[in-house]
Amino acid sequence: MRETANDTFTEIFQVASKFSANLFDTELQAPRVTSRQKSRANPQTTSNEEYFRVTTFIPCIDTLIQNLTDRFIKNEDILSSFQLLLPGYACEKK
């Protein structure tokens, strides 16, 4: 998903934009950019879609991937022991 973040987010953003326009009668807009902003991401983007992709979507995907990797790498020995419960694996070991 990280490799196709641009295409995936384009679809998500289009749905969110339509939802926002229909439900709230408003357009999704990036916050204004100031030169001395320090408390949030301040990327130089050319569109609202690009701003939300860079500041929200990609960091969320990166965090999700990192958390899943950490969780499964840390418990790899426990997860591999579950293979003994599978009949096919147990038959091969005999």
PDB file of N, CA and C in Angstrom:
ATOM      1  N   MET A   1       0.830  -1.197   0.000  1.00  0.00           N
ATOM      2  CA  MET A   1       0.000   0.000   0.000  1.00  0.00           C
ATOM      3  C   MET A   1       0.872   1.257   0.000  1.00  0.00           C
ATOM      4  N   ARG A   2       2.015   1.186   0.637  1.00  0.00           N
ATOM      5  CA  ARG A   2       2.892   2.357   0.696  1.00  0.00           C
ATOM      6  C   ARG A   2       3.396   2.724  -0.699  1.00  0.00           C
ATOM      7  N   GLU A   3       3.628   1.692  -1.537  1.00  0.00           N
ATOM      8  CA  GLU A   3       4.121   1.944  -2.889  1.00  0.00           C
ATOM      9  C   GLU A   3       3.054   2.594  -3.763  1.00  0.00           C
ATOM     10  N   THR A   4       1.798   2.323  -3.469  1.00  0.00           N
ATOM     11  CA  THR A   4       0.697   2.874  -4.271  1.00  0.00           C
ATOM     12  C   THR A   4      -0.075   3.935  -3.493  1.00  0.00           C
ATOM     13  N   ALA A   5       0.612   4.639  -2.609  1.00  0.00           N
ATOM     14  CA  ALA A   5      -0.054   5.630  -1.756  1.00  0.00           C
ATOM     15  C   ALA A   5      -0.716   6.737  -2.565  1.00  0.00           C
ATOM     16  N   ASN A   6      -0.106   7.146  -3.654  1.00  0.00           N
ATOM     17  CA  ASN A   6      -0.680   8.230  -4.462  1.00  0.00           C
ATOM     18  C   ASN A   6      -2.019   7.823  -5.058  1.00  0.00           C
ATOM     19  N   ASP A   7      -2.055   6.652  -5.689  1.00  0.00           N
ATOM     20  CA  ASP A   7      -3.297   6.196  -6.321  1.00  0.00           C
ATOM     21  C   ASP A   7      -4.371   5.890  -5.284  1.00  0.00           C
ATOM     22  N   THR A   8      -3.971   5.219  -4.218  1.00  0.00           N
ATOM     23  CA  THR A   8      -4.924   4.856  -3.170  1.00  0.00           C
ATOM     24  C   THR A   8      -5.519   6.102  -2.536  1.00  0.00           C
ATOM     25  N   PHE A   9      -4.665   7.064  -2.214  1.00  0.00           N
ATOM     26  CA  PHE A   9      -5.167   8.262  -1.559  1.00  0.00           C
ATOM     27  C   PHE A   9      -6.032   9.100  -2.485  1.00  0.00           C
ATOM     28  N   THR A  10      -5.740   9.092  -3.772  1.00  0.00           N
ATOM     29  CA  THR A  10      -6.569   9.838  -4.725  1.00  0.00           C
ATOM     30  C   THR A  10      -8.012   9.359  -4.654  1.00  0.00           C
ATOM     31  N   GLU A  11      -8.200   8.046  -4.615  1.00  0.00           N
ATOM     32  CA  GLU A  11      -9.553   7.486  -4.506  1.00  0.00           C
ATOM     33  C   GLU A  11     -10.206   7.876  -3.180  1.00  0.00           C
ATOM     34  N   ILE A  12      -9.453   7.754  -2.095  1.00  0.00           N
ATOM     35  CA  ILE A  12      -9.985   8.095  -0.770  1.00  0.00           C
ATOM     36  C   ILE A  12     -10.345   9.574  -0.704  1.00  0.00           C
ATOM     37  N   PHE A  13      -9.490  10.421  -1.244  1.00  0.00           N
ATOM     38  CA  PHE A  13      -9.726  11.862  -1.187  1.00  0.00           C
ATOM     39  C   PHE A  13     -10.949  12.258  -2.003  1.00  0.00           C
ATOM     40  N   GLN A  14     -11.147  11.627  -3.145  1.00  0.00           N
ATOM     41  CA  GLN A  14     -12.325  11.931  -3.962  1.00  0.00           C
ATOM     42  C   GLN A  14     -13.610  11.581  -3.217  1.00  0.00           C
ATOM     43  N   VAL A  15     -13.631  10.432  -2.571  1.00  0.00           N
ATOM     44  CA  VAL A  15     -14.811  10.029  -1.797  1.00  0.00           C
ATOM     45  C   VAL A  15     -15.025  10.985  -0.626  1.00  0.00           C
ATOM     46  N   ALA A  16     -13.947  11.330   0.078  1.00  0.00           N
ATOM     47  CA  ALA A  16     -14.057  12.243   1.217  1.00  0.00           C
ATOM     48  C   ALA A  16     -14.512  13.630   0.776  1.00  0.00           C
ATOM     49  N   SER A  17     -14.038  14.089  -0.368  1.00  0.00           N
ATOM     50  CA  SER A  17     -14.445  15.402  -0.882  1.00  0.00           C
ATOM     51  C   SER A  17     -15.929  15.428  -1.218  1.00  0.00           C
ATOM     52  N   LYS A  18     -16.402  14.372  -1.873  1.00  0.00           N
ATOM     53  CA  LYS A  18     -17.831  14.291  -2.199  1.00  0.00           C
ATOM     54  C   LYS A  18     -18.668  14.224  -0.930  1.00  0.00           C
ATOM     55  N   PHE A  19     -18.214  13.428   0.032  1.00  0.00           N
ATOM     56  CA  PHE A  19     -18.918  13.301   1.306  1.00  0.00           C
ATOM     57  C   PHE A  19     -18.984  14.646   2.020  1.00  0.00           C
ATOM     58  N   SER A  20     -17.874  15.362   2.049  1.00  0.00           N
ATOM     59  CA  SER A  20     -17.818  16.671   2.698  1.00  0.00           C
ATOM     60  C   SER A  20     -18.727  17.676   2.000  1.00  0.00           C
ATOM     61  N   ALA A  21     -18.708  17.655   0.685  1.00  0.00           N
ATOM     62  CA  ALA A  21     -19.537  18.595  -0.076  1.00  0.00           C
ATOM     63  C   ALA A  21     -21.021  18.302   0.107  1.00  0.00           C
ATOM     64  N   ASN A  22     -21.389  17.037   0.092  1.00  0.00           N
ATOM     65  CA  ASN A  22     -22.803  16.669   0.222  1.00  0.00           C
ATOM     66  C   ASN A  22     -23.330  16.849   1.636  1.00  0.00           C
ATOM     67  N   LEU A  23     -22.547  16.469   2.616  1.00  0.00           N
ATOM     68  CA  LEU A  23     -23.033  16.487   3.993  1.00  0.00           C
ATOM     69  C   LEU A  23     -22.871  17.846   4.667  1.00  0.00           C
ATOM     70  N   PHE A  24     -21.756  18.505   4.427  1.00  0.00           N
ATOM     71  CA  PHE A  24     -21.457  19.748   5.140  1.00  0.00           C
ATOM     72  C   PHE A  24     -21.455  20.984   4.247  1.00  0.00           C
ATOM     73  N   ASP A  25     -21.649  20.823   2.963  1.00  0.00           N
ATOM     74  CA  ASP A  25     -21.591  21.931   2.007  1.00  0.00           C
ATOM     75  C   ASP A  25     -20.287  22.713   2.121  1.00  0.00           C
ATOM     76  N   THR A  26     -19.191  21.982   2.249  1.00  0.00           N
ATOM     77  CA  THR A  26     -17.883  22.620   2.346  1.00  0.00           C
ATOM     78  C   THR A  26     -16.856  21.801   1.580  1.00  0.00           C
ATOM     79  N   GLU A  27     -15.775  22.448   1.235  1.00  0.00           N
ATOM     80  CA  GLU A  27     -14.692  21.788   0.508  1.00  0.00           C
ATOM     81  C   GLU A  27     -13.543  21.525   1.467  1.00  0.00           C
ATOM     82  N   LEU A  28     -12.879  20.379   1.305  1.00  0.00           N
ATOM     83  CA  LEU A  28     -11.709  20.089   2.124  1.00  0.00           C
ATOM     84  C   LEU A  28     -10.581  21.022   1.713  1.00  0.00           C
ATOM     85  N   GLN A  29     -10.056  21.763   2.671  1.00  0.00           N
ATOM     86  CA  GLN A  29      -8.986  22.712   2.380  1.00  0.00           C
ATOM     87  C   GLN A  29      -7.834  22.507   3.347  1.00  0.00           C
ATOM     88  N   ALA A  30      -6.650  22.661   2.822  1.00  0.00           N
ATOM     89  CA  ALA A  30      -5.460  22.607   3.662  1.00  0.00           C
ATOM     90  C   ALA A  30      -5.393  23.877   4.497  1.00  0.00           C
ATOM     91  N   PRO A  31      -4.864  23.790   5.715  1.00  0.00           N
ATOM     92  CA  PRO A  31      -4.710  25.004   6.511  1.00  0.00           C
ATOM     93  C   PRO A  31      -3.719  25.957   5.856  1.00  0.00           C
ATOM     94  N   ARG A  32      -3.835  27.212   6.195  1.00  0.00           N
ATOM     95  CA  ARG A  32      -2.931  28.190   5.597  1.00  0.00           C
ATOM     96  C   ARG A  32      -1.500  27.908   6.044  1.00  0.00           C
ATOM     97  N   VAL A  33      -0.574  28.269   5.216  1.00  0.00           N
ATOM     98  CA  VAL A  33       0.839  28.004   5.469  1.00  0.00           C
ATOM     99  C   VAL A  33       1.507  29.306   5.879  1.00  0.00           C
ATOM    100  N   THR A  34       2.232  29.252   6.978  1.00  0.00           N
ATOM    101  CA  THR A  34       2.978  30.426   7.431  1.00  0.00           C
ATOM    102  C   THR A  34       4.462  30.115   7.401  1.00  0.00           C
ATOM    103  N   SER A  35       5.259  31.131   7.404  1.00  0.00           N
ATOM    104  CA  SER A  35       6.702  30.915   7.302  1.00  0.00           C
ATOM    105  C   SER A  35       7.330  30.506   8.630  1.00  0.00           C
ATOM    106  N   ARG A  36       6.703  30.836   9.761  1.00  0.00           N
ATOM    107  CA  ARG A  36       7.302  30.533  11.063  1.00  0.00           C
ATOM    108  C   ARG A  36       6.502  29.504  11.848  1.00  0.00           C
ATOM    109  N   GLN A  37       5.888  28.602  11.194  1.00  0.00           N
ATOM    110  CA  GLN A  37       5.055  27.603  11.853  1.00  0.00           C
ATOM    111  C   GLN A  37       5.931  26.478  12.396  1.00  0.00           C
ATOM    112  N   LYS A  38       5.728  26.122  13.675  1.00  0.00           N
ATOM    113  CA  LYS A  38       6.577  25.111  14.288  1.00  0.00           C
ATOM    114  C   LYS A  38       5.799  23.956  14.899  1.00  0.00           C
ATOM    115  N   SER A  39       4.509  24.078  15.086  1.00  0.00           N
ATOM    116  CA  SER A  39       3.772  23.059  15.826  1.00  0.00           C
ATOM    117  C   SER A  39       3.129  21.987  14.961  1.00  0.00           C
ATOM    118  N   ARG A  40       3.189  22.084  13.659  1.00  0.00           N
ATOM    119  CA  ARG A  40       2.658  21.030  12.789  1.00  0.00           C
ATOM    120  C   ARG A  40       3.428  21.009  11.479  1.00  0.00           C
ATOM    121  N   ALA A  41       3.187  19.968  10.708  1.00  0.00           N
ATOM    122  CA  ALA A  41       3.873  19.844   9.421  1.00  0.00           C
ATOM    123  C   ALA A  41       3.504  21.020   8.527  1.00  0.00           C
ATOM    124  N   ASN A  42       4.465  21.502   7.801  1.00  0.00           N
ATOM    125  CA  ASN A  42       4.262  22.675   6.962  1.00  0.00           C
ATOM    126  C   ASN A  42       4.880  22.444   5.582  1.00  0.00           C
ATOM    127  N   PRO A  43       4.425  21.403   4.866  1.00  0.00           N
ATOM    128  CA  PRO A  43       5.038  21.128   3.564  1.00  0.00           C
ATOM    129  C   PRO A  43       4.570  22.113   2.499  1.00  0.00           C
ATOM    130  N   GLN A  44       5.414  22.341   1.550  1.00  0.00           N
ATOM    131  CA  GLN A  44       5.059  23.201   0.421  1.00  0.00           C
ATOM    132  C   GLN A  44       4.385  22.324  -0.632  1.00  0.00           C
ATOM    133  N   THR A  45       3.078  22.338  -0.661  1.00  0.00           N
ATOM    134  CA  THR A  45       2.322  21.517  -1.604  1.00  0.00           C
ATOM    135  C   THR A  45       1.519  22.416  -2.533  1.00  0.00           C
ATOM    136  N   THR A  46       1.100  21.829  -3.643  1.00  0.00           N
ATOM    137  CA  THR A  46       0.387  22.617  -4.642  1.00  0.00           C
ATOM    138  C   THR A  46      -1.115  22.381  -4.630  1.00  0.00           C
ATOM    139  N   SER A  47      -1.575  21.351  -3.926  1.00  0.00           N
ATOM    140  CA  SER A  47      -3.012  21.071  -3.910  1.00  0.00           C
ATOM    141  C   SER A  47      -3.437  20.579  -2.532  1.00  0.00           C
ATOM    142  N   ASN A  48      -4.728  20.643  -2.282  1.00  0.00           N
ATOM    143  CA  ASN A  48      -5.265  20.146  -1.017  1.00  0.00           C
ATOM    144  C   ASN A  48      -5.035  18.646  -0.888  1.00  0.00           C
ATOM    145  N   GLU A  49      -5.239  17.935  -1.983  1.00  0.00           N
ATOM    146  CA  GLU A  49      -5.040  16.480  -1.963  1.00  0.00           C
ATOM    147  C   GLU A  49      -3.603  16.126  -1.603  1.00  0.00           C
ATOM    148  N   GLU A  50      -2.658  16.800  -2.199  1.00  0.00           N
ATOM    149  CA  GLU A  50      -1.245  16.539  -1.919  1.00  0.00           C
ATOM    150  C   GLU A  50      -0.908  16.862  -0.463  1.00  0.00           C
ATOM    151  N   TYR A  51      -1.458  17.947   0.069  1.00  0.00           N
ATOM    152  CA  TYR A  51      -1.207  18.323   1.458  1.00  0.00           C
ATOM    153  C   TYR A  51      -1.667  17.222   2.414  1.00  0.00           C
ATOM    154  N   PHE A  52      -2.906  16.754   2.247  1.00  0.00           N
ATOM    155  CA  PHE A  52      -3.431  15.734   3.150  1.00  0.00           C
ATOM    156  C   PHE A  52      -2.725  14.393   2.961  1.00  0.00           C
ATOM    157  N   ARG A  53      -2.281  14.094   1.752  1.00  0.00           N
ATOM    158  CA  ARG A  53      -1.541  12.855   1.519  1.00  0.00           C
ATOM    159  C   ARG A  53      -0.202  12.899   2.252  1.00  0.00           C
ATOM    160  N   VAL A  54       0.493  14.035   2.159  1.00  0.00           N
ATOM    161  CA  VAL A  54       1.824  14.160   2.756  1.00  0.00           C
ATOM    162  C   VAL A  54       1.758  14.264   4.279  1.00  0.00           C
ATOM    163  N   THR A  55       0.780  14.974   4.808  1.00  0.00           N
ATOM    164  CA  THR A  55       0.744  15.212   6.255  1.00  0.00           C
ATOM    165  C   THR A  55      -0.055  14.185   7.041  1.00  0.00           C
ATOM    166  N   THR A  56      -0.981  13.476   6.399  1.00  0.00           N
ATOM    167  CA  THR A  56      -1.850  12.567   7.140  1.00  0.00           C
ATOM    168  C   THR A  56      -1.733  11.122   6.679  1.00  0.00           C
ATOM    169  N   PHE A  57      -1.971  10.885   5.408  1.00  0.00           N
ATOM    170  CA  PHE A  57      -2.083   9.516   4.912  1.00  0.00           C
ATOM    171  C   PHE A  57      -0.761   8.752   4.973  1.00  0.00           C
ATOM    172  N   ILE A  58       0.281   9.311   4.406  1.00  0.00           N
ATOM    173  CA  ILE A  58       1.566   8.603   4.367  1.00  0.00           C
ATOM    174  C   ILE A  58       2.128   8.366   5.773  1.00  0.00           C
ATOM    175  N   PRO A  59       2.099   9.348   6.689  1.00  0.00           N
ATOM    176  CA  PRO A  59       2.562   9.050   8.047  1.00  0.00           C
ATOM    177  C   PRO A  59       1.729   7.966   8.750  1.00  0.00           C
ATOM    178  N   CYS A  60       0.426   7.944   8.517  1.00  0.00           N
ATOM    179  CA  CYS A  60      -0.411   6.894   9.122  1.00  0.00           C
ATOM    180  C   CYS A  60      -0.053   5.521   8.575  1.00  0.00           C
ATOM    181  N   ILE A  61       0.140   5.427   7.278  1.00  0.00           N
ATOM    182  CA  ILE A  61       0.520   4.150   6.665  1.00  0.00           C
ATOM    183  C   ILE A  61       1.888   3.704   7.178  1.00  0.00           C
ATOM    184  N   ASP A  62       2.837   4.630   7.269  1.00  0.00           N
ATOM    185  CA  ASP A  62       4.168   4.292   7.776  1.00  0.00           C
ATOM    186  C   ASP A  62       4.104   3.800   9.217  1.00  0.00           C
ATOM    187  N   THR A  63       3.302   4.453  10.042  1.00  0.00           N
ATOM    188  CA  THR A  63       3.149   4.040  11.434  1.00  0.00           C
ATOM    189  C   THR A  63       2.505   2.666  11.531  1.00  0.00           C
ATOM    190  N   LEU A  64       1.484   2.426  10.736  1.00  0.00           N
ATOM    191  CA  LEU A  64       0.818   1.125  10.733  1.00  0.00           C
ATOM    192  C   LEU A  64       1.783   0.017  10.326  1.00  0.00           C
ATOM    193  N   ILE A  65       2.539   0.241   9.264  1.00  0.00           N
ATOM    194  CA  ILE A  65       3.509  -0.758   8.809  1.00  0.00           C
ATOM    195  C   ILE A  65       4.554  -1.016   9.887  1.00  0.00           C
ATOM    196  N   GLN A  66       5.048   0.039  10.509  1.00  0.00           N
ATOM    197  CA  GLN A  66       6.065  -0.117  11.551  1.00  0.00           C
ATOM    198  C   GLN A  66       5.515  -0.862  12.763  1.00  0.00           C
ATOM    199  N   ASN A  67       4.296  -0.548  13.182  1.00  0.00           N
ATOM    200  CA  ASN A  67       3.694  -1.232  14.326  1.00  0.00           C
ATOM    201  C   ASN A  67       3.463  -2.712  14.049  1.00  0.00           C
ATOM    202  N   LEU A  68       2.979  -3.035  12.860  1.00  0.00           N
ATOM    203  CA  LEU A  68       2.773  -4.443  12.509  1.00  0.00           C
ATOM    204  C   LEU A  68       4.104  -5.188  12.443  1.00  0.00           C
ATOM    205  N   THR A  69       5.104  -4.548  11.867  1.00  0.00           N
ATOM    206  CA  THR A  69       6.425  -5.173  11.792  1.00  0.00           C
ATOM    207  C   THR A  69       6.982  -5.415  13.189  1.00  0.00           C
ATOM    208  N   ASP A  70       6.921  -4.415  14.044  1.00  0.00           N
ATOM    209  CA  ASP A  70       7.421  -4.562  15.413  1.00  0.00           C
ATOM    210  C   ASP A  70       6.674  -5.655  16.163  1.00  0.00           C
ATOM    211  N   ARG A  71       5.374  -5.681  16.018  1.00  0.00           N
ATOM    212  CA  ARG A  71       4.563  -6.653  16.748  1.00  0.00           C
ATOM    213  C   ARG A  71       4.882  -8.078  16.315  1.00  0.00           C
ATOM    214  N   PHE A  72       5.005  -8.309  15.016  1.00  0.00           N
ATOM    215  CA  PHE A  72       5.215  -9.667  14.548  1.00  0.00           C
ATOM    216  C   PHE A  72       6.673 -10.101  14.629  1.00  0.00           C
ATOM    217  N   ILE A  73       7.610  -9.195  14.501  1.00  0.00           N
ATOM    218  CA  ILE A  73       9.022  -9.552  14.655  1.00  0.00           C
ATOM    219  C   ILE A  73       9.301  -9.903  16.111  1.00  0.00           C
ATOM    220  N   LYS A  74       8.740  -9.132  17.030  1.00  0.00           N
ATOM    221  CA  LYS A  74       8.966  -9.373  18.451  1.00  0.00           C
ATOM    222  C   LYS A  74       8.405 -10.730  18.871  1.00  0.00           C
ATOM    223  N   ASN A  75       7.306 -11.145  18.270  1.00  0.00           N
ATOM    224  CA  ASN A  75       6.651 -12.396  18.644  1.00  0.00           C
ATOM    225  C   ASN A  75       6.858 -13.492  17.601  1.00  0.00           C
ATOM    226  N   GLU A  76       7.910 -13.386  16.823  1.00  0.00           N
ATOM    227  CA  GLU A  76       8.137 -14.349  15.747  1.00  0.00           C
ATOM    228  C   GLU A  76       8.312 -15.771  16.282  1.00  0.00           C
ATOM    229  N   ASP A  77       9.029 -15.938  17.387  1.00  0.00           N
ATOM    230  CA  ASP A  77       9.229 -17.281  17.933  1.00  0.00           C
ATOM    231  C   ASP A  77       7.920 -17.884  18.437  1.00  0.00           C
ATOM    232  N   ILE A  78       7.062 -17.063  19.013  1.00  0.00           N
ATOM    233  CA  ILE A  78       5.756 -17.546  19.476  1.00  0.00           C
ATOM    234  C   ILE A  78       4.883 -17.918  18.290  1.00  0.00           C
ATOM    235  N   LEU A  79       4.873 -17.070  17.271  1.00  0.00           N
ATOM    236  CA  LEU A  79       4.054 -17.340  16.092  1.00  0.00           C
ATOM    237  C   LEU A  79       4.530 -18.575  15.345  1.00  0.00           C
ATOM    238  N   SER A  80       5.832 -18.790  15.281  1.00  0.00           N
ATOM    239  CA  SER A  80       6.335 -19.972  14.575  1.00  0.00           C
ATOM    240  C   SER A  80       5.984 -21.252  15.318  1.00  0.00           C
ATOM    241  N   SER A  81       5.834 -21.199  16.632  1.00  0.00           N
ATOM    242  CA  SER A  81       5.457 -22.402  17.379  1.00  0.00           C
ATOM    243  C   SER A  81       4.015 -22.816  17.098  1.00  0.00           C
ATOM    244  N   PHE A  82       3.183 -21.910  16.607  1.00  0.00           N
ATOM    245  CA  PHE A  82       1.810 -22.266  16.248  1.00  0.00           C
ATOM    246  C   PHE A  82       1.760 -23.190  15.037  1.00  0.00           C
ATOM    247  N   GLN A  83       2.827 -23.247  14.258  1.00  0.00           N
ATOM    248  CA  GLN A  83       2.856 -24.142  13.105  1.00  0.00           C
ATOM    249  C   GLN A  83       2.719 -25.596  13.528  1.00  0.00           C
ATOM    250  N   LEU A  84       3.139 -25.921  14.736  1.00  0.00           N
ATOM    251  CA  LEU A  84       3.025 -27.295  15.221  1.00  0.00           C
ATOM    252  C   LEU A  84       1.577 -27.740  15.339  1.00  0.00           C
ATOM    253  N   LEU A  85       0.662 -26.806  15.440  1.00  0.00           N
ATOM    254  CA  LEU A  85      -0.753 -27.138  15.549  1.00  0.00           C
ATOM    255  C   LEU A  85      -1.376 -27.486  14.204  1.00  0.00           C
ATOM    256  N   LEU A  86      -0.713 -27.129  13.113  1.00  0.00           N
ATOM    257  CA  LEU A  86      -1.241 -27.414  11.783  1.00  0.00           C
ATOM    258  C   LEU A  86      -0.972 -28.870  11.421  1.00  0.00           C
ATOM    259  N   PRO A  87      -1.994 -29.609  10.999  1.00  0.00           N
ATOM    260  CA  PRO A  87      -1.815 -31.034  10.707  1.00  0.00           C
ATOM    261  C   PRO A  87      -0.752 -31.302   9.639  1.00  0.00           C
ATOM    262  N   GLY A  88      -0.714 -30.517   8.596  1.00  0.00           N
ATOM    263  CA  GLY A  88       0.270 -30.725   7.535  1.00  0.00           C
ATOM    264  C   GLY A  88       1.693 -30.575   8.034  1.00  0.00           C
ATOM    265  N   TYR A  89       1.930 -29.612   8.865  1.00  0.00           N
ATOM    266  CA  TYR A  89       3.267 -29.363   9.396  1.00  0.00           C
ATOM    267  C   TYR A  89       3.664 -30.462  10.375  1.00  0.00           C
ATOM    268  N   ALA A  90       2.723 -30.918  11.201  1.00  0.00           N
ATOM    269  CA  ALA A  90       3.003 -31.966  12.179  1.00  0.00           C
ATOM    270  C   ALA A  90       3.343 -33.279  11.482  1.00  0.00           C
ATOM    271  N   CYS A  91       2.678 -33.590  10.378  1.00  0.00           N
ATOM    272  CA  CYS A  91       2.955 -34.825   9.634  1.00  0.00           C
ATOM    273  C   CYS A  91       4.333 -34.791   8.994  1.00  0.00           C
ATOM    274  N   GLU A  92       4.768 -33.652   8.520  1.00  0.00           N
ATOM    275  CA  GLU A  92       6.078 -33.527   7.887  1.00  0.00           C
ATOM    276  C   GLU A  92       7.206 -33.732   8.887  1.00  0.00           C
ATOM    277  N   LYS A  93       7.017 -33.337  10.123  1.00  0.00           N
ATOM    278  CA  LYS A  93       8.061 -33.418  11.139  1.00  0.00           C
ATOM    279  C   LYS A  93       8.307 -34.849  11.608  1.00  0.00           C
ATOM    280  N   LYS A  94       7.343 -35.732  11.436  1.00  0.00           N
ATOM    281  CA  LYS A  94       7.499 -37.112  11.924  1.00  0.00           C
ATOM    282  C   LYS A  94       8.409 -37.922  11.069  1.00  0.00           C
TER     283      LYS A  94
END
